[in-house]
Amino acid sequence: MTGTLFTLTFATAAPFWALMILLPRWSVTARVVRSPLIVAPVLAIYAILVLPALGEVLPAVTSPTLDGVRDLLRTADGAAAAWAHMIAFDLFVGRWAWLDSRERWVPALVMAPVLVLTILLGPLGLAAYLAARTRWARPAGVRPSEPQRLG
């Protein structure tokens, strides 16, 4: 079951990445990606993996040591849970960057490689977006809760 959940983790996130990267101007993409619930399937997988092992996980995360975290990740369940954790946060960060980029009118051709980098190496994708976004100021009068329509 752990192997199946591991495989399903990215499979449940991939459609949202595809929308943001391949169809950024499609109106359906904007409607779907606006919802923070796009991470819900991955969160459900994470919960299925972590909740039964909460007795082992809590000590490792409340008082972390390198050895304790290494031991936790050494198991198939621990590695699969860590993968779900990463995929959920990467998708949430990618979603934020995509929404923010639309407010700032960052070109889709700039965002596509940033989003791919976020999928592959999460924090480096975030760093790339934070650097890139400085070139595009938010249009005057636009609040974060009112994204610009680009398509």
C-alpha atoms as a PDB file:
ATOM      1  CA  MET A   1       0.000   0.000   0.000  1.00  0.00           C
ATOM      2  CA  THR A   2       2.855   2.422   0.769  1.00  0.00           C
ATOM      3  CA  GLY A   3       4.229   2.069  -2.751  1.00  0.00           C
ATOM      4  CA  THR A   4       0.818   2.833  -4.224  1.00  0.00           C
ATOM      5  CA  LEU A   5       0.395   5.901  -2.030  1.00  0.00           C
ATOM      6  CA  PHE A   6       3.880   7.077  -3.001  1.00  0.00           C
ATOM      7  CA  THR A   7       2.965   6.790  -6.688  1.00  0.00           C
ATOM      8  CA  LEU A   8      -0.412   8.469  -6.194  1.00  0.00           C
ATOM      9  CA  THR A   9       1.163  11.439  -4.421  1.00  0.00           C
ATOM     10  CA  PHE A  10       2.608  13.094  -7.499  1.00  0.00           C
ATOM     11  CA  ALA A  11      -0.144  11.753  -9.749  1.00  0.00           C
ATOM     12  CA  THR A  12      -2.725  13.715  -7.734  1.00  0.00           C
ATOM     13  CA  ALA A  13      -0.681  16.922  -7.952  1.00  0.00           C
ATOM     14  CA  ALA A  14       0.432  16.645 -11.593  1.00  0.00           C
ATOM     15  CA  PRO A  15      -2.833  17.843 -13.189  1.00  0.00           C
ATOM     16  CA  PHE A  16      -2.637  21.135 -11.289  1.00  0.00           C
ATOM     17  CA  TRP A  17       0.992  21.652 -12.313  1.00  0.00           C
ATOM     18  CA  ALA A  18       0.024  20.886 -15.920  1.00  0.00           C
ATOM     19  CA  LEU A  19      -2.712  23.511 -15.824  1.00  0.00           C
ATOM     20  CA  MET A  20      -0.405  26.197 -14.415  1.00  0.00           C
ATOM     21  CA  ILE A  21       2.466  25.428 -16.795  1.00  0.00           C
ATOM     22  CA  LEU A  22       0.770  24.347 -20.022  1.00  0.00           C
ATOM     23  CA  LEU A  23      -2.549  26.194 -19.899  1.00  0.00           C
ATOM     24  CA  PRO A  24      -1.864  29.318 -17.818  1.00  0.00           C
ATOM     25  CA  ARG A  25      -4.333  31.535 -19.711  1.00  0.00           C
ATOM     26  CA  TRP A  26      -7.250  29.084 -19.757  1.00  0.00           C
ATOM     27  CA  SER A  27     -10.128  30.373 -17.632  1.00  0.00           C
ATOM     28  CA  VAL A  28     -10.600  26.931 -16.088  1.00  0.00           C
ATOM     29  CA  THR A  29      -7.010  27.021 -14.841  1.00  0.00           C
ATOM     30  CA  ALA A  30      -7.651  30.246 -12.937  1.00  0.00           C
ATOM     31  CA  ARG A  31     -10.851  28.878 -11.382  1.00  0.00           C
ATOM     32  CA  VAL A  32      -9.206  25.638 -10.307  1.00  0.00           C
ATOM     33  CA  VAL A  33      -5.927  27.073  -9.047  1.00  0.00           C
ATOM     34  CA  ARG A  34      -7.616  29.804  -7.008  1.00  0.00           C
ATOM     35  CA  SER A  35      -8.793  27.115  -4.608  1.00  0.00           C
ATOM     36  CA  PRO A  36      -6.290  26.160  -1.919  1.00  0.00           C
ATOM     37  CA  LEU A  37      -8.063  22.792  -1.882  1.00  0.00           C
ATOM     38  CA  ILE A  38      -5.998  21.629  -4.851  1.00  0.00           C
ATOM     39  CA  VAL A  39      -3.568  20.275  -2.265  1.00  0.00           C
ATOM     40  CA  ALA A  40      -6.294  18.271  -0.483  1.00  0.00           C
ATOM     41  CA  PRO A  41      -5.644  14.954  -2.292  1.00  0.00           C
ATOM     42  CA  VAL A  42      -1.963  15.054  -1.350  1.00  0.00           C
ATOM     43  CA  LEU A  43      -2.837  16.062   2.204  1.00  0.00           C
ATOM     44  CA  ALA A  44      -5.156  13.057   2.440  1.00  0.00           C
ATOM     45  CA  ILE A  45      -2.342  10.756   1.330  1.00  0.00           C
ATOM     46  CA  TYR A  46      -0.019  12.369   3.867  1.00  0.00           C
ATOM     47  CA  ALA A  47      -2.585  11.837   6.632  1.00  0.00           C
ATOM     48  CA  ILE A  48      -3.041   8.173   5.664  1.00  0.00           C
ATOM     49  CA  LEU A  49       0.716   7.674   5.944  1.00  0.00           C
ATOM     50  CA  VAL A  50       1.437   9.753   9.057  1.00  0.00           C
ATOM     51  CA  LEU A  51      -1.526   9.318  11.387  1.00  0.00           C
ATOM     52  CA  PRO A  52      -1.014   5.579  12.014  1.00  0.00           C
ATOM     53  CA  ALA A  53       2.642   6.282  12.848  1.00  0.00           C
ATOM     54  CA  LEU A  54       2.044   9.406  14.934  1.00  0.00           C
ATOM     55  CA  GLY A  55       3.696   7.786  17.957  1.00  0.00           C
ATOM     56  CA  GLU A  56       6.961   7.514  16.021  1.00  0.00           C
ATOM     57  CA  VAL A  57       6.619  10.750  14.063  1.00  0.00           C
ATOM     58  CA  LEU A  58       5.861  13.183  16.900  1.00  0.00           C
ATOM     59  CA  PRO A  59       9.064  12.579  18.871  1.00  0.00           C
ATOM     60  CA  ALA A  60      11.120  12.922  15.680  1.00  0.00           C
ATOM     61  CA  VAL A  61       9.555  16.275  14.764  1.00  0.00           C
ATOM     62  CA  THR A  62       9.011  17.839  18.198  1.00  0.00           C
ATOM     63  CA  SER A  63      12.598  17.271  19.272  1.00  0.00           C
ATOM     64  CA  PRO A  64      14.416  16.652  16.018  1.00  0.00           C
ATOM     65  CA  THR A  65      17.897  15.225  15.779  1.00  0.00           C
ATOM     66  CA  LEU A  66      19.720  14.268  12.609  1.00  0.00           C
ATOM     67  CA  ASP A  67      19.767  10.619  13.666  1.00  0.00           C
ATOM     68  CA  GLY A  68      16.068  10.626  14.570  1.00  0.00           C
ATOM     69  CA  VAL A  69      14.977  12.176  11.277  1.00  0.00           C
ATOM     70  CA  ARG A  70      17.303   9.873   9.321  1.00  0.00           C
ATOM     71  CA  ASP A  71      15.826   6.845  11.078  1.00  0.00           C
ATOM     72  CA  LEU A  72      12.291   8.021  10.350  1.00  0.00           C
ATOM     73  CA  LEU A  73      13.043   8.592   6.658  1.00  0.00           C
ATOM     74  CA  ARG A  74      14.848   5.269   6.331  1.00  0.00           C
ATOM     75  CA  THR A  75      11.529   3.395   6.325  1.00  0.00           C
ATOM     76  CA  ALA A  76       9.255   3.091   3.288  1.00  0.00           C
ATOM     77  CA  ASP A  77       6.402   4.734   5.202  1.00  0.00           C
ATOM     78  CA  GLY A  78       8.659   7.554   6.383  1.00  0.00           C
ATOM     79  CA  ALA A  79      10.036   8.209   2.902  1.00  0.00           C
ATOM     80  CA  ALA A  80       6.550   8.145   1.354  1.00  0.00           C
ATOM     81  CA  ALA A  81       5.237  10.537   4.019  1.00  0.00           C
ATOM     82  CA  ALA A  82       8.178  12.889   3.459  1.00  0.00           C
ATOM     83  CA  TRP A  83       7.486  12.765  -0.286  1.00  0.00           C
ATOM     84  CA  ALA A  84       3.815  13.656   0.276  1.00  0.00           C
ATOM     85  CA  HIS A  85       4.906  16.464   2.608  1.00  0.00           C
ATOM     86  CA  MET A  86       7.224  17.884  -0.062  1.00  0.00           C
ATOM     87  CA  ILE A  87       4.698  17.530  -2.879  1.00  0.00           C
ATOM     88  CA  ALA A  88       1.961  19.248  -0.851  1.00  0.00           C
ATOM     89  CA  PHE A  89       4.141  22.208   0.079  1.00  0.00           C
ATOM     90  CA  ASP A  90       5.664  22.511  -3.382  1.00  0.00           C
ATOM     91  CA  LEU A  91       2.197  22.581  -4.927  1.00  0.00           C
ATOM     92  CA  PHE A  92       0.979  25.166  -2.430  1.00  0.00           C
ATOM     93  CA  VAL A  93       4.034  27.366  -3.085  1.00  0.00           C
ATOM     94  CA  GLY A  94       3.665  26.889  -6.838  1.00  0.00           C
ATOM     95  CA  ARG A  95       0.007  27.853  -6.574  1.00  0.00           C
ATOM     96  CA  TRP A  96       0.897  31.012  -4.641  1.00  0.00           C
ATOM     97  CA  ALA A  97       3.604  31.960  -7.147  1.00  0.00           C
ATOM     98  CA  TRP A  98       1.259  31.347 -10.085  1.00  0.00           C
ATOM     99  CA  LEU A  99      -1.508  33.479  -8.546  1.00  0.00           C
ATOM    100  CA  ASP A 100       0.932  36.232  -7.582  1.00  0.00           C
ATOM    101  CA  SER A 101       2.464  36.182 -11.060  1.00  0.00           C
ATOM    102  CA  ARG A 102      -0.952  36.776 -12.615  1.00  0.00           C
ATOM    103  CA  GLU A 103      -1.505  39.807 -10.408  1.00  0.00           C
ATOM    104  CA  ARG A 104       1.886  41.158 -11.487  1.00  0.00           C
ATOM    105  CA  TRP A 105       1.489  40.227 -15.160  1.00  0.00           C
ATOM    106  CA  VAL A 106       4.626  38.076 -15.102  1.00  0.00           C
ATOM    107  CA  PRO A 107       4.800  36.397 -18.526  1.00  0.00           C
ATOM    108  CA  ALA A 108       3.851  32.729 -18.725  1.00  0.00           C
ATOM    109  CA  LEU A 109       7.176  32.019 -20.446  1.00  0.00           C
ATOM    110  CA  VAL A 110       8.954  33.272 -17.334  1.00  0.00           C
ATOM    111  CA  MET A 111       6.706  31.319 -14.999  1.00  0.00           C
ATOM    112  CA  ALA A 112       6.906  27.954 -16.774  1.00  0.00           C
ATOM    113  CA  PRO A 113      10.571  27.283 -15.900  1.00  0.00           C
ATOM    114  CA  VAL A 114      10.067  28.719 -12.406  1.00  0.00           C
ATOM    115  CA  LEU A 115       7.183  26.303 -11.813  1.00  0.00           C
ATOM    116  CA  VAL A 116       9.176  23.359 -13.192  1.00  0.00           C
ATOM    117  CA  LEU A 117      12.014  24.296 -10.831  1.00  0.00           C
ATOM    118  CA  THR A 118       9.490  24.431  -7.983  1.00  0.00           C
ATOM    119  CA  ILE A 119       8.271  20.927  -8.830  1.00  0.00           C
ATOM    120  CA  LEU A 120      11.794  19.533  -8.950  1.00  0.00           C
ATOM    121  CA  LEU A 121      13.625  21.507  -6.251  1.00  0.00           C
ATOM    122  CA  GLY A 122      10.923  23.337  -4.270  1.00  0.00           C
ATOM    123  CA  PRO A 123      12.885  25.945  -2.312  1.00  0.00           C
ATOM    124  CA  LEU A 124      15.034  26.829  -5.331  1.00  0.00           C
ATOM    125  CA  GLY A 125      11.863  27.398  -7.372  1.00  0.00           C
ATOM    126  CA  LEU A 126      10.561  29.680  -4.646  1.00  0.00           C
ATOM    127  CA  ALA A 127      13.863  31.567  -4.615  1.00  0.00           C
ATOM    128  CA  ALA A 128      13.733  31.904  -8.409  1.00  0.00           C
ATOM    129  CA  TYR A 129      10.213  33.296  -8.256  1.00  0.00           C
ATOM    130  CA  LEU A 130      11.042  35.731  -5.455  1.00  0.00           C
ATOM    131  CA  ALA A 131      13.940  37.000  -7.561  1.00  0.00           C
ATOM    132  CA  ALA A 132      11.894  37.163 -10.776  1.00  0.00           C
ATOM    133  CA  ARG A 133       8.879  38.874  -9.255  1.00  0.00           C
ATOM    134  CA  THR A 134      10.912  41.952  -8.337  1.00  0.00           C
ATOM    135  CA  ARG A 135      10.845  42.948 -12.032  1.00  0.00           C
ATOM    136  CA  TRP A 136       7.048  43.161 -12.058  1.00  0.00           C
ATOM    137  CA  ALA A 137       5.361  45.436  -9.523  1.00  0.00           C
ATOM    138  CA  ARG A 138       1.773  44.818  -8.574  1.00  0.00           C
ATOM    139  CA  PRO A 139      -0.459  47.116 -10.651  1.00  0.00           C
ATOM    140  CA  ALA A 140      -1.730  50.120  -8.709  1.00  0.00           C
ATOM    141  CA  GLY A 141      -5.070  49.561  -7.027  1.00  0.00           C
ATOM    142  CA  VAL A 142      -4.880  45.762  -7.158  1.00  0.00           C
ATOM    143  CA  ARG A 143      -5.198  44.044  -3.828  1.00  0.00           C
ATOM    144  CA  PRO A 144      -3.932  40.483  -3.306  1.00  0.00           C
ATOM    145  CA  SER A 145      -7.520  39.255  -3.054  1.00  0.00           C
ATOM    146  CA  GLU A 146      -8.330  40.619  -6.523  1.00  0.00           C
ATOM    147  CA  PRO A 147      -6.145  38.839  -9.082  1.00  0.00           C
ATOM    148  CA  GLN A 148      -5.870  40.377 -12.532  1.00  0.00           C
ATOM    149  CA  ARG A 149      -7.568  38.555 -15.390  1.00  0.00           C
ATOM    150  CA  LEU A 150      -5.066  37.773 -18.083  1.00  0.00           C
ATOM    151  CA  GLY A 151      -7.084  35.673 -20.424  1.00  0.00           C
END
